């Protein structure tokens, strides 16, 4: 019978990663190009976990926002499809049975 050997790896000290490409834009906050975001994803996740919101840009245009999980923004509450469908204009007219009856009467059947 083989015995399992336990391998213990040395603890790695967390290193502070530099985000030289990140800039602070007025009204947007911390912004970083998509290429730099790919290369420094771990550092971005650390910033976001610390409460910082990061905007990812492509050609200078904001494309995505990374925000902490606990940060809850107001969202619309789903009330169900029934209410939504009943508000549609198609429900304002006659029913299918009335339309078929009027068609039959018009043809003289």
N, C-alpha and C. Protein backbone atom coordinates (compact mmCIF):
# COMPACT_ATOMS: atom_id res chain seq x y z
N UNK A 1 0.84 -1.17 0.00
CA UNK A 1 0.00 0.00 0.00
C UNK A 1 0.89 1.24 0.00
N UNK A 2 0.53 2.17 -0.87
CA UNK A 2 1.31 3.40 -0.95
C UNK A 2 0.86 4.38 0.12
N UNK A 3 1.80 5.08 0.66
CA UNK A 3 1.45 6.11 1.64
C UNK A 3 1.50 7.47 0.95
N UNK A 4 0.59 8.30 1.31
CA UNK A 4 0.54 9.64 0.72
C UNK A 4 1.50 10.55 1.47
N UNK A 5 2.27 11.25 0.71
CA UNK A 5 3.17 12.21 1.35
C UNK A 5 2.56 13.60 1.24
N UNK A 6 2.65 14.33 2.29
CA UNK A 6 2.08 15.67 2.34
C UNK A 6 3.19 16.67 2.02
N UNK A 7 2.92 17.48 1.03
CA UNK A 7 3.91 18.48 0.63
C UNK A 7 3.44 19.83 1.17
N UNK A 8 4.31 20.49 1.90
CA UNK A 8 3.99 21.82 2.43
C UNK A 8 4.80 22.84 1.65
N UNK A 9 4.10 23.76 1.06
CA UNK A 9 4.75 24.82 0.31
C UNK A 9 4.98 26.01 1.22
N UNK A 10 6.06 26.74 0.98
CA UNK A 10 6.31 27.91 1.83
C UNK A 10 5.24 28.98 1.57
N UNK A 11 4.90 29.66 2.63
CA UNK A 11 3.89 30.72 2.51
C UNK A 11 4.43 31.85 1.64
N UNK A 12 3.59 32.33 0.75
CA UNK A 12 3.99 33.42 -0.12
C UNK A 12 3.44 34.72 0.45
N UNK A 13 4.31 35.68 0.60
CA UNK A 13 3.87 36.96 1.12
C UNK A 13 3.18 37.73 0.00
N UNK A 14 2.03 38.31 0.28
CA UNK A 14 1.36 39.08 -0.77
C UNK A 14 2.18 40.32 -1.11
N UNK A 15 2.37 40.55 -2.38
CA UNK A 15 3.12 41.70 -2.84
C UNK A 15 2.16 42.73 -3.40
N UNK A 16 2.45 43.96 -3.14
CA UNK A 16 1.62 45.03 -3.68
C UNK A 16 1.97 45.20 -5.16
N UNK A 17 0.99 45.02 -6.01
CA UNK A 17 1.21 45.17 -7.44
C UNK A 17 1.00 46.62 -7.84
N UNK A 18 1.79 47.05 -8.79
CA UNK A 18 1.68 48.42 -9.25
C UNK A 18 0.75 48.50 -10.45
N UNK A 19 -0.06 49.52 -10.46
CA UNK A 19 -0.94 49.77 -11.59
C UNK A 19 -0.55 51.13 -12.19
N UNK A 20 0.53 51.13 -12.93
CA UNK A 20 1.01 52.38 -13.52
C UNK A 20 0.07 52.90 -14.59
N UNK A 21 -0.64 52.00 -15.26
CA UNK A 21 -1.50 52.39 -16.37
C UNK A 21 -2.81 52.99 -15.91
N UNK A 22 -3.17 52.78 -14.63
CA UNK A 22 -4.45 53.27 -14.12
C UNK A 22 -4.39 54.77 -13.90
N UNK A 23 -5.46 55.45 -14.29
CA UNK A 23 -5.56 56.89 -14.10
C UNK A 23 -6.91 57.19 -13.46
N UNK A 24 -6.96 58.31 -12.76
CA UNK A 24 -8.21 58.73 -12.15
C UNK A 24 -8.86 59.77 -13.05
N UNK A 25 -10.03 59.46 -13.55
CA UNK A 25 -10.77 60.38 -14.42
C UNK A 25 -11.87 61.06 -13.62
N UNK A 26 -12.07 62.36 -13.83
CA UNK A 26 -13.14 63.04 -13.09
C UNK A 26 -14.51 62.52 -13.50
N UNK A 27 -15.32 62.20 -12.53
CA UNK A 27 -16.66 61.70 -12.80
C UNK A 27 -16.72 60.21 -13.06
N UNK A 28 -15.59 59.58 -13.40
CA UNK A 28 -15.57 58.15 -13.69
C UNK A 28 -14.88 57.39 -12.57
N UNK A 29 -13.83 57.96 -12.00
CA UNK A 29 -13.06 57.30 -10.97
C UNK A 29 -11.81 56.66 -11.55
N UNK A 30 -11.36 55.60 -10.94
CA UNK A 30 -10.15 54.91 -11.40
C UNK A 30 -10.45 54.21 -12.72
N UNK A 31 -9.60 54.46 -13.72
CA UNK A 31 -9.81 53.92 -15.05
C UNK A 31 -8.54 53.23 -15.52
N UNK A 32 -8.70 52.12 -16.26
CA UNK A 32 -7.55 51.37 -16.75
C UNK A 32 -7.88 50.80 -18.13
N UNK A 33 -6.92 50.84 -19.06
CA UNK A 33 -7.18 50.25 -20.39
C UNK A 33 -7.32 48.73 -20.31
N UNK A 34 -8.02 48.16 -21.27
CA UNK A 34 -8.33 46.74 -21.25
C UNK A 34 -7.06 45.88 -21.29
N UNK A 35 -6.05 46.28 -22.04
CA UNK A 35 -4.82 45.49 -22.09
C UNK A 35 -4.13 45.43 -20.74
N UNK A 36 -4.08 46.56 -20.05
CA UNK A 36 -3.47 46.58 -18.73
C UNK A 36 -4.33 45.80 -17.73
N UNK A 37 -5.66 45.84 -17.91
CA UNK A 37 -6.55 45.10 -17.02
C UNK A 37 -6.33 43.60 -17.15
N UNK A 38 -6.09 43.14 -18.39
CA UNK A 38 -5.80 41.71 -18.60
C UNK A 38 -4.52 41.32 -17.88
N UNK A 39 -3.51 42.17 -17.98
CA UNK A 39 -2.21 41.85 -17.41
C UNK A 39 -2.21 41.95 -15.89
N UNK A 40 -3.01 42.81 -15.32
CA UNK A 40 -2.99 43.07 -13.88
C UNK A 40 -4.32 42.74 -13.21
N UNK A 41 -4.97 41.68 -13.64
CA UNK A 41 -6.28 41.33 -13.11
C UNK A 41 -6.25 41.09 -11.60
N UNK A 42 -5.22 40.43 -11.12
CA UNK A 42 -5.13 40.15 -9.67
C UNK A 42 -5.09 41.44 -8.86
N UNK A 43 -4.31 42.39 -9.33
CA UNK A 43 -4.22 43.67 -8.61
C UNK A 43 -5.55 44.41 -8.66
N UNK A 44 -6.23 44.34 -9.80
CA UNK A 44 -7.54 44.98 -9.91
C UNK A 44 -8.54 44.35 -8.94
N UNK A 45 -8.51 43.04 -8.84
CA UNK A 45 -9.43 42.35 -7.93
C UNK A 45 -9.16 42.74 -6.47
N UNK A 46 -7.90 42.94 -6.14
CA UNK A 46 -7.56 43.38 -4.78
C UNK A 46 -8.12 44.77 -4.51
N UNK A 47 -7.99 45.65 -5.50
CA UNK A 47 -8.53 47.01 -5.35
C UNK A 47 -10.05 46.97 -5.19
N UNK A 48 -10.70 46.18 -6.01
CA UNK A 48 -12.16 46.09 -5.96
C UNK A 48 -12.61 45.48 -4.64
N UNK A 49 -11.90 44.47 -4.17
CA UNK A 49 -12.25 43.86 -2.89
C UNK A 49 -12.11 44.86 -1.75
N UNK A 50 -11.20 45.82 -1.92
CA UNK A 50 -11.01 46.86 -0.91
C UNK A 50 -12.04 47.97 -0.98
N UNK A 51 -12.97 47.90 -1.93
CA UNK A 51 -14.03 48.90 -2.01
C UNK A 51 -13.88 49.88 -3.15
N UNK A 52 -12.79 49.81 -3.90
CA UNK A 52 -12.56 50.72 -5.02
C UNK A 52 -13.32 50.25 -6.25
N UNK A 53 -13.94 51.17 -6.96
CA UNK A 53 -14.62 50.85 -8.21
C UNK A 53 -13.67 51.17 -9.36
N UNK A 54 -13.52 50.25 -10.32
CA UNK A 54 -12.57 50.41 -11.41
C UNK A 54 -13.32 50.36 -12.74
N UNK A 55 -13.04 51.32 -13.62
CA UNK A 55 -13.64 51.35 -14.94
C UNK A 55 -12.63 50.87 -15.96
N UNK A 56 -13.01 49.92 -16.79
CA UNK A 56 -12.14 49.40 -17.84
C UNK A 56 -12.51 50.09 -19.14
N UNK A 57 -11.49 50.63 -19.82
CA UNK A 57 -11.73 51.37 -21.05
C UNK A 57 -11.10 50.67 -22.24
N UNK A 58 -11.63 50.95 -23.42
CA UNK A 58 -11.07 50.47 -24.67
C UNK A 58 -11.04 51.66 -25.61
N UNK A 59 -9.87 52.05 -26.05
CA UNK A 59 -9.68 53.24 -26.88
C UNK A 59 -10.22 54.49 -26.19
N UNK A 60 -10.07 54.55 -24.88
CA UNK A 60 -10.51 55.71 -24.13
C UNK A 60 -11.99 55.76 -23.81
N UNK A 61 -12.76 54.78 -24.28
CA UNK A 61 -14.20 54.74 -24.06
C UNK A 61 -14.50 53.73 -22.95
N UNK A 62 -15.22 54.13 -21.88
CA UNK A 62 -15.55 53.18 -20.81
C UNK A 62 -16.38 52.03 -21.35
N UNK A 63 -15.97 50.80 -21.04
CA UNK A 63 -16.66 49.61 -21.51
C UNK A 63 -17.27 48.78 -20.38
N UNK A 64 -16.62 48.76 -19.21
CA UNK A 64 -17.11 47.95 -18.10
C UNK A 64 -16.70 48.57 -16.78
N UNK A 65 -17.42 48.23 -15.73
CA UNK A 65 -17.11 48.71 -14.39
C UNK A 65 -17.00 47.51 -13.47
N UNK A 66 -15.89 47.41 -12.77
CA UNK A 66 -15.71 46.39 -11.74
C UNK A 66 -16.08 47.03 -10.41
N UNK A 67 -17.00 46.44 -9.70
CA UNK A 67 -17.40 46.98 -8.41
C UNK A 67 -17.45 45.87 -7.38
N UNK A 68 -17.31 46.21 -6.11
CA UNK A 68 -17.33 45.19 -5.06
C UNK A 68 -18.65 44.44 -5.02
N UNK A 69 -18.61 43.20 -4.58
CA UNK A 69 -19.80 42.36 -4.54
C UNK A 69 -20.81 42.91 -3.55
N UNK A 70 -20.37 43.37 -2.42
CA UNK A 70 -21.29 43.86 -1.39
C UNK A 70 -21.95 45.16 -1.74
N UNK A 71 -21.43 45.88 -2.71
CA UNK A 71 -22.00 47.17 -3.08
C UNK A 71 -23.29 46.93 -3.84
N UNK A 72 -24.41 47.29 -3.24
CA UNK A 72 -25.70 47.01 -3.83
C UNK A 72 -26.28 48.27 -4.44
N UNK A 73 -26.49 48.25 -5.72
CA UNK A 73 -27.13 49.37 -6.40
C UNK A 73 -28.62 49.07 -6.49
N UNK A 74 -29.40 50.12 -6.59
CA UNK A 74 -30.83 49.94 -6.73
C UNK A 74 -31.17 49.27 -8.05
N UNK A 75 -31.95 48.24 -8.00
CA UNK A 75 -32.36 47.52 -9.20
C UNK A 75 -33.87 47.49 -9.27
N UNK A 76 -34.37 47.36 -10.47
CA UNK A 76 -35.81 47.24 -10.64
C UNK A 76 -36.26 45.88 -10.13
N UNK A 77 -37.37 45.87 -9.45
CA UNK A 77 -37.93 44.64 -8.92
C UNK A 77 -38.78 43.99 -10.01
N UNK A 78 -38.54 42.72 -10.26
CA UNK A 78 -39.31 41.98 -11.26
C UNK A 78 -40.70 41.72 -10.70
N UNK A 79 -41.70 42.23 -11.38
CA UNK A 79 -43.07 42.07 -10.89
C UNK A 79 -43.80 40.94 -11.58
N UNK A 80 -43.19 40.34 -12.56
CA UNK A 80 -43.82 39.23 -13.26
C UNK A 80 -44.22 39.61 -14.66
N UNK A 81 -44.31 38.65 -15.52
CA UNK A 81 -44.65 38.89 -16.91
C UNK A 81 -46.13 39.23 -17.08
N UNK A 82 -46.98 38.77 -16.18
CA UNK A 82 -48.41 39.02 -16.31
C UNK A 82 -48.73 40.50 -16.34
N UNK A 83 -48.17 41.25 -15.38
CA UNK A 83 -48.43 42.69 -15.33
C UNK A 83 -47.87 43.38 -16.57
N UNK A 84 -46.68 42.97 -16.97
CA UNK A 84 -46.05 43.57 -18.15
C UNK A 84 -46.88 43.31 -19.41
N UNK A 85 -47.31 42.07 -19.59
CA UNK A 85 -48.06 41.72 -20.80
C UNK A 85 -49.43 42.40 -20.82
N UNK A 86 -50.06 42.54 -19.68
CA UNK A 86 -51.37 43.18 -19.65
C UNK A 86 -51.30 44.67 -19.96
N UNK A 87 -50.12 45.28 -19.81
CA UNK A 87 -49.96 46.69 -20.12
C UNK A 87 -49.73 46.92 -21.62
N UNK A 88 -49.50 45.87 -22.36
CA UNK A 88 -49.24 46.01 -23.79
C UNK A 88 -50.52 46.39 -24.53
N UNK A 89 -50.40 47.18 -25.61
CA UNK A 89 -51.59 47.68 -26.29
C UNK A 89 -52.43 46.60 -26.94
N UNK A 90 -51.90 45.43 -27.19
CA UNK A 90 -52.65 44.37 -27.86
C UNK A 90 -53.82 43.89 -27.01
N UNK A 91 -53.78 44.11 -25.71
CA UNK A 91 -54.83 43.64 -24.82
C UNK A 91 -56.00 44.60 -24.72
N UNK A 92 -55.99 45.67 -25.50
CA UNK A 92 -57.07 46.65 -25.41
C UNK A 92 -58.22 46.34 -26.35
N UNK A 93 -58.04 45.44 -27.32
CA UNK A 93 -59.08 45.19 -28.32
C UNK A 93 -59.94 44.00 -27.99
N UNK A 94 -60.74 43.57 -28.97
CA UNK A 94 -61.62 42.42 -28.75
C UNK A 94 -60.83 41.12 -28.67
N UNK A 95 -61.44 40.12 -28.05
CA UNK A 95 -60.79 38.83 -27.91
C UNK A 95 -60.84 38.03 -29.20
N UNK A 96 -60.13 36.93 -29.25
CA UNK A 96 -60.06 36.09 -30.45
C UNK A 96 -61.44 35.53 -30.82
N UNK A 97 -62.21 35.15 -29.83
CA UNK A 97 -63.53 34.58 -30.10
C UNK A 97 -64.44 35.60 -30.78
N UNK A 98 -64.38 36.84 -30.33
CA UNK A 98 -65.20 37.89 -30.94
C UNK A 98 -64.77 38.16 -32.38
N UNK A 99 -63.49 38.14 -32.64
CA UNK A 99 -62.98 38.38 -33.99
C UNK A 99 -63.41 37.27 -34.93
N UNK A 100 -63.31 36.02 -34.49
CA UNK A 100 -63.70 34.88 -35.32
C UNK A 100 -65.20 34.93 -35.59
N UNK A 101 -66.01 35.25 -34.57
CA UNK A 101 -67.46 35.33 -34.73
C UNK A 101 -67.83 36.44 -35.73
N UNK A 102 -67.17 37.58 -35.63
CA UNK A 102 -67.46 38.68 -36.57
C UNK A 102 -67.04 38.30 -37.98
N UNK A 103 -65.97 37.56 -38.13
CA UNK A 103 -65.52 37.12 -39.47
C UNK A 103 -66.53 36.14 -40.06
N UNK A 104 -67.00 35.19 -39.25
CA UNK A 104 -67.99 34.22 -39.73
C UNK A 104 -69.29 34.90 -40.14
N UNK A 105 -69.74 35.86 -39.31
CA UNK A 105 -70.98 36.57 -39.62
C UNK A 105 -70.83 37.39 -40.89
N UNK A 106 -69.64 37.95 -41.11
CA UNK A 106 -69.40 38.75 -42.29
C UNK A 106 -69.38 37.91 -43.56
N UNK A 107 -69.01 36.67 -43.47
CA UNK A 107 -68.97 35.79 -44.64
C UNK A 107 -70.32 35.08 -44.88
N UNK A 108 -71.19 35.15 -43.92
CA UNK A 108 -72.50 34.55 -44.04
C UNK A 108 -72.52 33.06 -43.74
N UNK A 109 -71.61 32.56 -42.95
CA UNK A 109 -71.60 31.12 -42.63
C UNK A 109 -72.63 30.80 -41.60
